[in-house]
Amino acid sequence: MSIFLKTPVEMMQLMAHRVKTKRLALNLTQEGISARSGVSLGSLKRFESTGQISLESLLKLAHAVNALSDFEDLFQPESQRTSLFEPNKSTKIRQRGKLK
């Protein structure tokens, strides 16, 4: 269990800053990455200034800056192992939640 201290808005802004940093490291203009990724220039400018972007556009930008694989582990189930000395017990995967 980890403690996460960033809000969703802070995380959006951090991701926007990282994409911009990668874009500049690749010596690309906003127009250049827009053309390479297929994300409109307006969406890219809004993302870099506010952090707001659709998931599809974010993934397109990540692909354009060679960072798409960073999303591979997102939402992976956590290990069910409780001890290093006990084998993992296979558990049934939930089909629906019970909390409202």
Protein backbone atom coordinates (compact mmCIF):
# COMPACT_ATOMS: atom_id res chain seq x y z
CA MET A 1 0.00 0.00 0.00
CA SER A 2 1.39 3.37 -0.95
CA ILE A 3 0.46 6.88 0.10
CA PHE A 4 -0.22 9.13 -2.87
CA LEU A 5 -0.08 12.83 -2.07
CA LYS A 6 -0.93 14.36 -5.45
CA THR A 7 -4.43 15.38 -6.45
CA PRO A 8 -5.78 14.41 -9.89
CA VAL A 9 -5.29 18.01 -11.09
CA GLU A 10 -1.67 18.02 -9.88
CA MET A 11 -1.09 14.69 -11.63
CA MET A 12 -2.56 16.06 -14.88
CA GLN A 13 -0.26 19.08 -14.70
CA LEU A 14 2.74 16.88 -13.93
CA MET A 15 2.00 14.65 -16.94
CA ALA A 16 1.61 17.72 -19.16
CA HIS A 17 4.97 19.03 -17.95
CA ARG A 18 6.62 15.66 -18.63
CA VAL A 19 5.22 15.43 -22.16
CA LYS A 20 6.39 18.98 -22.87
CA THR A 21 9.86 18.17 -21.48
CA LYS A 22 10.08 15.05 -23.67
CA ARG A 23 8.86 17.03 -26.69
CA LEU A 24 11.55 19.65 -26.16
CA ALA A 25 14.22 16.98 -25.56
CA LEU A 26 13.28 15.57 -28.99
CA ASN A 27 13.61 19.11 -30.37
CA LEU A 28 9.99 19.10 -31.59
CA THR A 29 7.72 22.11 -31.87
CA GLN A 30 4.09 21.92 -30.81
CA GLU A 31 3.19 21.81 -34.49
CA GLY A 32 5.66 18.98 -35.07
CA ILE A 33 4.38 16.73 -32.29
CA SER A 34 0.81 17.57 -33.29
CA ALA A 35 1.49 16.35 -36.81
CA ARG A 36 3.36 13.23 -35.65
CA SER A 37 0.75 12.22 -33.10
CA GLY A 38 -2.46 13.18 -34.87
CA VAL A 39 -3.53 15.30 -31.88
CA SER A 40 -4.88 18.70 -32.88
CA LEU A 41 -2.67 21.67 -32.12
CA GLY A 42 -5.42 23.22 -29.98
CA SER A 43 -5.70 20.07 -27.85
CA LEU A 44 -1.93 19.96 -27.41
CA LYS A 45 -1.75 23.63 -26.39
CA ARG A 46 -4.61 23.14 -23.90
CA PHE A 47 -2.88 20.05 -22.50
CA GLU A 48 0.47 21.77 -22.03
CA SER A 49 -1.15 24.74 -20.28
CA THR A 50 -3.88 23.05 -18.19
CA GLY A 51 -3.19 19.30 -18.21
CA GLN A 52 -6.61 18.57 -19.73
CA ILE A 53 -6.70 16.04 -22.58
CA SER A 54 -8.63 12.97 -23.64
CA LEU A 55 -7.16 9.57 -22.87
CA GLU A 56 -6.88 8.74 -26.57
CA SER A 57 -4.94 11.94 -27.27
CA LEU A 58 -2.70 11.36 -24.26
CA LEU A 59 -1.84 7.89 -25.56
CA LYS A 60 -1.15 9.29 -29.04
CA LEU A 61 1.22 11.87 -27.55
CA ALA A 62 2.92 9.20 -25.44
CA HIS A 63 3.43 7.15 -28.61
CA ALA A 64 4.91 10.16 -30.40
CA VAL A 65 7.50 10.69 -27.64
CA ASN A 66 8.29 6.95 -27.27
CA ALA A 67 6.61 6.66 -23.86
CA LEU A 68 3.56 4.53 -24.66
CA SER A 69 5.03 1.55 -22.81
CA ASP A 70 4.85 3.62 -19.59
CA PHE A 71 1.11 2.90 -19.58
CA GLU A 72 1.55 -0.90 -19.71
CA ASP A 73 1.48 -1.39 -15.93
CA LEU A 74 -1.36 1.03 -15.22
CA PHE A 75 -4.21 -0.67 -13.33
CA GLN A 76 -2.43 -4.04 -13.11
CA PRO A 77 -3.81 -6.16 -10.27
CA GLU A 78 -1.67 -6.10 -7.17
CA SER A 79 -0.02 -9.30 -6.07
CA GLN A 80 -2.15 -11.43 -3.78
CA ARG A 81 0.91 -12.83 -2.02
CA THR A 82 0.86 -12.25 1.72
CA SER A 83 4.17 -13.92 2.49
CA LEU A 84 7.37 -14.58 0.59
CA PHE A 85 7.27 -18.13 1.91
CA GLU A 86 3.72 -19.00 0.86
CA PRO A 87 2.80 -19.60 -2.76
CA ASN A 88 0.27 -17.29 -4.38
CA LYS A 89 -3.26 -18.54 -3.92
CA SER A 90 -5.27 -18.24 -7.06
CA THR A 91 -8.33 -16.14 -6.35
CA LYS A 92 -11.46 -15.76 -8.40
CA ILE A 93 -11.52 -12.51 -10.38
CA ARG A 94 -14.48 -10.32 -9.45
CA GLN A 95 -17.10 -9.83 -12.13
CA ARG A 96 -18.93 -7.01 -10.34
CA GLY A 97 -18.53 -4.79 -7.31
CA LYS A 98 -20.82 -4.85 -4.30
CA LEU A 99 -20.39 -1.30 -2.95
CA LYS A 100 -22.53 1.59 -4.16
